[in-house]
């Protein structure tokens, strides 16, 4: 099933889907970081939102 791109936030808020532009926009705004910084965090700790949040605060 295709994601509904009209949604403003991710359907699964525990994971960050870097392949979905609307999710990237949501998470970059939520964390206050650039796409590149978000990608680096996901590469470092995986796509778990809590792990990315902790990594960005460190």
PDB file of N, CA and C in Angstrom:
ATOM      1  N   UNK A   1       0.841  -1.177   0.000  1.00  0.00           N
ATOM      2  CA  UNK A   1       0.000   0.000   0.000  1.00  0.00           C
ATOM      3  C   UNK A   1       0.889   1.245   0.000  1.00  0.00           C
ATOM      4  N   UNK A   2       0.537   2.218  -0.782  1.00  0.00           N
ATOM      5  CA  UNK A   2       1.300   3.448  -0.907  1.00  0.00           C
ATOM      6  C   UNK A   2       0.952   4.381   0.245  1.00  0.00           C
ATOM      7  N   UNK A   3       1.987   5.061   0.783  1.00  0.00           N
ATOM      8  CA  UNK A   3       1.744   6.043   1.838  1.00  0.00           C
ATOM      9  C   UNK A   3       0.913   7.199   1.302  1.00  0.00           C
ATOM     10  N   UNK A   4       0.063   7.745   2.131  1.00  0.00           N
ATOM     11  CA  UNK A   4      -0.727   8.919   1.779  1.00  0.00           C
ATOM     12  C   UNK A   4       0.147  10.148   1.989  1.00  0.00           C
ATOM     13  N   UNK A   5       0.630  10.743   0.907  1.00  0.00           N
ATOM     14  CA  UNK A   5       1.564  11.857   1.011  1.00  0.00           C
ATOM     15  C   UNK A   5       0.896  13.155   1.429  1.00  0.00           C
ATOM     16  N   UNK A   6      -0.419  13.144   1.596  1.00  0.00           N
ATOM     17  CA  UNK A   6      -1.091  14.347   2.079  1.00  0.00           C
ATOM     18  C   UNK A   6      -0.974  14.469   3.599  1.00  0.00           C
ATOM     19  N   UNK A   7      -0.514  13.418   4.246  1.00  0.00           N
ATOM     20  CA  UNK A   7      -0.329  13.459   5.695  1.00  0.00           C
ATOM     21  C   UNK A   7       0.837  14.372   6.035  1.00  0.00           C
ATOM     22  N   UNK A   8       0.738  15.076   7.135  1.00  0.00           N
ATOM     23  CA  UNK A   8       1.782  16.016   7.515  1.00  0.00           C
ATOM     24  C   UNK A   8       2.824  15.393   8.440  1.00  0.00           C
ATOM     25  N   UNK A   9       2.551  14.231   8.977  1.00  0.00           N
ATOM     26  CA  UNK A   9       3.514  13.584   9.859  1.00  0.00           C
ATOM     27  C   UNK A   9       3.592  12.100   9.495  1.00  0.00           C
ATOM     28  N   UNK A  10       4.652  11.435   9.929  1.00  0.00           N
ATOM     29  CA  UNK A  10       4.819  10.011   9.606  1.00  0.00           C
ATOM     30  C   UNK A  10       3.721   9.153  10.216  1.00  0.00           C
ATOM     31  N   UNK A  11       3.401   8.064   9.546  1.00  0.00           N
ATOM     32  CA  UNK A  11       2.417   7.148  10.092  1.00  0.00           C
ATOM     33  C   UNK A  11       3.009   6.365  11.261  1.00  0.00           C
ATOM     34  N   UNK A  12       4.283   6.046  11.177  1.00  0.00           N
ATOM     35  CA  UNK A  12       4.971   5.353  12.265  1.00  0.00           C
ATOM     36  C   UNK A  12       5.994   6.326  12.840  1.00  0.00           C
ATOM     37  N   UNK A  13       5.638   6.989  13.909  1.00  0.00           N
ATOM     38  CA  UNK A  13       6.502   8.034  14.463  1.00  0.00           C
ATOM     39  C   UNK A  13       7.732   7.485  15.172  1.00  0.00           C
ATOM     40  N   UNK A  14       7.864   6.181  15.258  1.00  0.00           N
ATOM     41  CA  UNK A  14       9.052   5.625  15.902  1.00  0.00           C
ATOM     42  C   UNK A  14      10.186   5.403  14.901  1.00  0.00           C
ATOM     43  N   UNK A  15       9.912   5.554  13.612  1.00  0.00           N
ATOM     44  CA  UNK A  15      10.907   5.311  12.572  1.00  0.00           C
ATOM     45  C   UNK A  15      10.985   6.503  11.626  1.00  0.00           C
ATOM     46  N   UNK A  16      12.173   6.743  11.087  1.00  0.00           N
ATOM     47  CA  UNK A  16      12.387   7.832  10.139  1.00  0.00           C
ATOM     48  C   UNK A  16      12.640   7.223   8.767  1.00  0.00           C
ATOM     49  N   UNK A  17      11.746   7.515   7.822  1.00  0.00           N
ATOM     50  CA  UNK A  17      11.872   7.000   6.455  1.00  0.00           C
ATOM     51  C   UNK A  17      12.533   8.074   5.590  1.00  0.00           C
ATOM     52  N   UNK A  18      13.823   7.964   5.392  1.00  0.00           N
ATOM     53  CA  UNK A  18      14.557   8.976   4.631  1.00  0.00           C
ATOM     54  C   UNK A  18      14.162   8.986   3.157  1.00  0.00           C
ATOM     55  N   UNK A  19      13.518   7.959   2.673  1.00  0.00           N
ATOM     56  CA  UNK A  19      13.089   7.889   1.274  1.00  0.00           C
ATOM     57  C   UNK A  19      11.783   8.613   1.005  1.00  0.00           C
ATOM     58  N   UNK A  20      11.117   9.092   2.038  1.00  0.00           N
ATOM     59  CA  UNK A  20       9.844   9.793   1.895  1.00  0.00           C
ATOM     60  C   UNK A  20      10.059  11.268   2.211  1.00  0.00           C
ATOM     61  N   UNK A  21       9.939  12.124   1.198  1.00  0.00           N
ATOM     62  CA  UNK A  21      10.240  13.544   1.377  1.00  0.00           C
ATOM     63  C   UNK A  21       9.389  14.213   2.449  1.00  0.00           C
ATOM     64  N   UNK A  22       8.101  13.840   2.547  1.00  0.00           N
ATOM     65  CA  UNK A  22       7.253  14.469   3.562  1.00  0.00           C
ATOM     66  C   UNK A  22       7.679  14.060   4.967  1.00  0.00           C
ATOM     67  N   UNK A  23       8.229  12.846   5.108  1.00  0.00           N
ATOM     68  CA  UNK A  23       8.736  12.443   6.417  1.00  0.00           C
ATOM     69  C   UNK A  23      10.043  13.161   6.733  1.00  0.00           C
ATOM     70  N   UNK A  24      10.912  13.299   5.748  1.00  0.00           N
ATOM     71  CA  UNK A  24      12.162  14.036   5.952  1.00  0.00           C
ATOM     72  C   UNK A  24      11.839  15.469   6.372  1.00  0.00           C
ATOM     73  N   UNK A  25      10.865  16.092   5.703  1.00  0.00           N
ATOM     74  CA  UNK A  25      10.466  17.463   6.050  1.00  0.00           C
ATOM     75  C   UNK A  25       9.946  17.521   7.488  1.00  0.00           C
ATOM     76  N   UNK A  26       9.148  16.538   7.880  1.00  0.00           N
ATOM     77  CA  UNK A  26       8.611  16.501   9.247  1.00  0.00           C
ATOM     78  C   UNK A  26       9.739  16.382  10.269  1.00  0.00           C
ATOM     79  N   UNK A  27      10.657  15.438  10.044  1.00  0.00           N
ATOM     80  CA  UNK A  27      11.711  15.181  11.028  1.00  0.00           C
ATOM     81  C   UNK A  27      12.743  16.303  11.072  1.00  0.00           C
ATOM     82  N   UNK A  28      13.071  16.905   9.932  1.00  0.00           N
ATOM     83  CA  UNK A  28      14.026  18.019   9.971  1.00  0.00           C
ATOM     84  C   UNK A  28      13.431  19.195  10.733  1.00  0.00           C
ATOM     85  N   UNK A  29      12.142  19.434  10.559  1.00  0.00           N
ATOM     86  CA  UNK A  29      11.482  20.511  11.301  1.00  0.00           C
ATOM     87  C   UNK A  29      11.396  20.157  12.793  1.00  0.00           C
ATOM     88  N   UNK A  30      11.040  18.920  13.095  1.00  0.00           N
ATOM     89  CA  UNK A  30      10.906  18.478  14.485  1.00  0.00           C
ATOM     90  C   UNK A  30      12.226  18.596  15.244  1.00  0.00           C
ATOM     91  N   UNK A  31      13.314  18.169  14.606  1.00  0.00           N
ATOM     92  CA  UNK A  31      14.620  18.182  15.265  1.00  0.00           C
ATOM     93  C   UNK A  31      15.374  19.494  15.042  1.00  0.00           C
ATOM     94  N   UNK A  32      14.910  20.320  14.130  1.00  0.00           N
ATOM     95  CA  UNK A  32      15.574  21.583  13.849  1.00  0.00           C
ATOM     96  C   UNK A  32      16.944  21.407  13.213  1.00  0.00           C
ATOM     97  N   UNK A  33      17.042  20.444  12.295  1.00  0.00           N
ATOM     98  CA  UNK A  33      18.314  20.165  11.625  1.00  0.00           C
ATOM     99  C   UNK A  33      18.106  20.126  10.116  1.00  0.00           C
ATOM    100  N   UNK A  34      19.216  20.156   9.394  1.00  0.00           N
ATOM    101  CA  UNK A  34      19.169  20.042   7.939  1.00  0.00           C
ATOM    102  C   UNK A  34      18.953  18.581   7.538  1.00  0.00           C
ATOM    103  N   UNK A  35      18.609  18.385   6.273  1.00  0.00           N
ATOM    104  CA  UNK A  35      18.461  17.028   5.746  1.00  0.00           C
ATOM    105  C   UNK A  35      19.782  16.257   5.893  1.00  0.00           C
ATOM    106  N   UNK A  36      20.887  16.947   5.620  1.00  0.00           N
ATOM    107  CA  UNK A  36      22.192  16.299   5.688  1.00  0.00           C
ATOM    108  C   UNK A  36      22.514  15.845   7.113  1.00  0.00           C
ATOM    109  N   UNK A  37      22.223  16.705   8.089  1.00  0.00           N
ATOM    110  CA  UNK A  37      22.466  16.357   9.490  1.00  0.00           C
ATOM    111  C   UNK A  37      21.566  15.181   9.911  1.00  0.00           C
ATOM    112  N   UNK A  38      20.324  15.198   9.462  1.00  0.00           N
ATOM    113  CA  UNK A  38      19.408  14.090   9.758  1.00  0.00           C
ATOM    114  C   UNK A  38      19.923  12.800   9.142  1.00  0.00           C
ATOM    115  N   UNK A  39      20.376  12.854   7.884  1.00  0.00           N
ATOM    116  CA  UNK A  39      20.902  11.662   7.211  1.00  0.00           C
ATOM    117  C   UNK A  39      22.120  11.121   7.938  1.00  0.00           C
ATOM    118  N   UNK A  40      23.006  12.009   8.386  1.00  0.00           N
ATOM    119  CA  UNK A  40      24.191  11.574   9.132  1.00  0.00           C
ATOM    120  C   UNK A  40      23.792  10.871  10.422  1.00  0.00           C
ATOM    121  N   UNK A  41      22.783  11.398  11.103  1.00  0.00           N
ATOM    122  CA  UNK A  41      22.323  10.780  12.351  1.00  0.00           C
ATOM    123  C   UNK A  41      21.706   9.408  12.080  1.00  0.00           C
ATOM    124  N   UNK A  42      20.900   9.311  11.035  1.00  0.00           N
ATOM    125  CA  UNK A  42      20.287   8.019  10.681  1.00  0.00           C
ATOM    126  C   UNK A  42      21.369   7.015  10.291  1.00  0.00           C
ATOM    127  N   UNK A  43      22.368   7.468   9.546  1.00  0.00           N
ATOM    128  CA  UNK A  43      23.479   6.582   9.177  1.00  0.00           C
ATOM    129  C   UNK A  43      24.242   6.097  10.410  1.00  0.00           C
ATOM    130  N   UNK A  44      24.355   6.963  11.410  1.00  0.00           N
ATOM    131  CA  UNK A  44      25.130   6.637  12.607  1.00  0.00           C
ATOM    132  C   UNK A  44      24.394   5.687  13.546  1.00  0.00           C
ATOM    133  N   UNK A  45      23.081   5.904  13.747  1.00  0.00           N
ATOM    134  CA  UNK A  45      22.364   5.142  14.777  1.00  0.00           C
ATOM    135  C   UNK A  45      21.149   4.363  14.271  1.00  0.00           C
ATOM    136  N   UNK A  46      20.847   4.462  12.993  1.00  0.00           N
ATOM    137  CA  UNK A  46      19.679   3.769  12.454  1.00  0.00           C
ATOM    138  C   UNK A  46      18.485   4.705  12.388  1.00  0.00           C
ATOM    139  N   UNK A  47      17.338   4.175  11.981  1.00  0.00           N
ATOM    140  CA  UNK A  47      16.179   5.031  11.736  1.00  0.00           C
ATOM    141  C   UNK A  47      15.196   5.125  12.902  1.00  0.00           C
ATOM    142  N   UNK A  48      15.584   4.659  14.073  1.00  0.00           N
ATOM    143  CA  UNK A  48      14.735   4.800  15.250  1.00  0.00           C
ATOM    144  C   UNK A  48      14.738   6.263  15.687  1.00  0.00           C
ATOM    145  N   UNK A  49      13.555   6.868  15.761  1.00  0.00           N
ATOM    146  CA  UNK A  49      13.442   8.298  16.054  1.00  0.00           C
ATOM    147  C   UNK A  49      14.038   8.660  17.410  1.00  0.00           C
ATOM    148  N   UNK A  50      13.847   7.828  18.405  1.00  0.00           N
ATOM    149  CA  UNK A  50      14.410   8.127  19.747  1.00  0.00           C
ATOM    150  C   UNK A  50      15.932   8.088  19.721  1.00  0.00           C
ATOM    151  N   UNK A  51      16.495   7.129  18.997  1.00  0.00           N
ATOM    152  CA  UNK A  51      17.952   7.031  18.897  1.00  0.00           C
ATOM    153  C   UNK A  51      18.521   8.225  18.142  1.00  0.00           C
ATOM    154  N   UNK A  52      17.836   8.642  17.087  1.00  0.00           N
ATOM    155  CA  UNK A  52      18.284   9.814  16.328  1.00  0.00           C
ATOM    156  C   UNK A  52      18.197  11.066  17.198  1.00  0.00           C
ATOM    157  N   UNK A  53      17.103  11.202  17.943  1.00  0.00           N
ATOM    158  CA  UNK A  53      16.933  12.357  18.846  1.00  0.00           C
ATOM    159  C   UNK A  53      18.091  12.414  19.842  1.00  0.00           C
ATOM    160  N   UNK A  54      18.412  11.281  20.462  1.00  0.00           N
ATOM    161  CA  UNK A  54      19.495  11.224  21.439  1.00  0.00           C
ATOM    162  C   UNK A  54      20.839  11.539  20.784  1.00  0.00           C
ATOM    163  N   UNK A  55      21.054  11.023  19.602  1.00  0.00           N
ATOM    164  CA  UNK A  55      22.307  11.276  18.887  1.00  0.00           C
ATOM    165  C   UNK A  55      22.471  12.750  18.555  1.00  0.00           C
ATOM    166  N   UNK A  56      21.396  13.400  18.137  1.00  0.00           N
ATOM    167  CA  UNK A  56      21.462  14.811  17.772  1.00  0.00           C
ATOM    168  C   UNK A  56      21.691  15.701  18.996  1.00  0.00           C
ATOM    169  N   UNK A  57      21.249  15.270  20.158  1.00  0.00           N
ATOM    170  CA  UNK A  57      21.441  16.057  21.386  1.00  0.00           C
ATOM    171  C   UNK A  57      22.851  15.890  21.952  1.00  0.00           C
ATOM    172  N   UNK A  58      23.510  14.811  21.560  1.00  0.00           N
ATOM    173  CA  UNK A  58      24.855  14.521  22.103  1.00  0.00           C
ATOM    174  C   UNK A  58      25.909  15.429  21.506  1.00  0.00           C
TER     175      UNK A  58
END
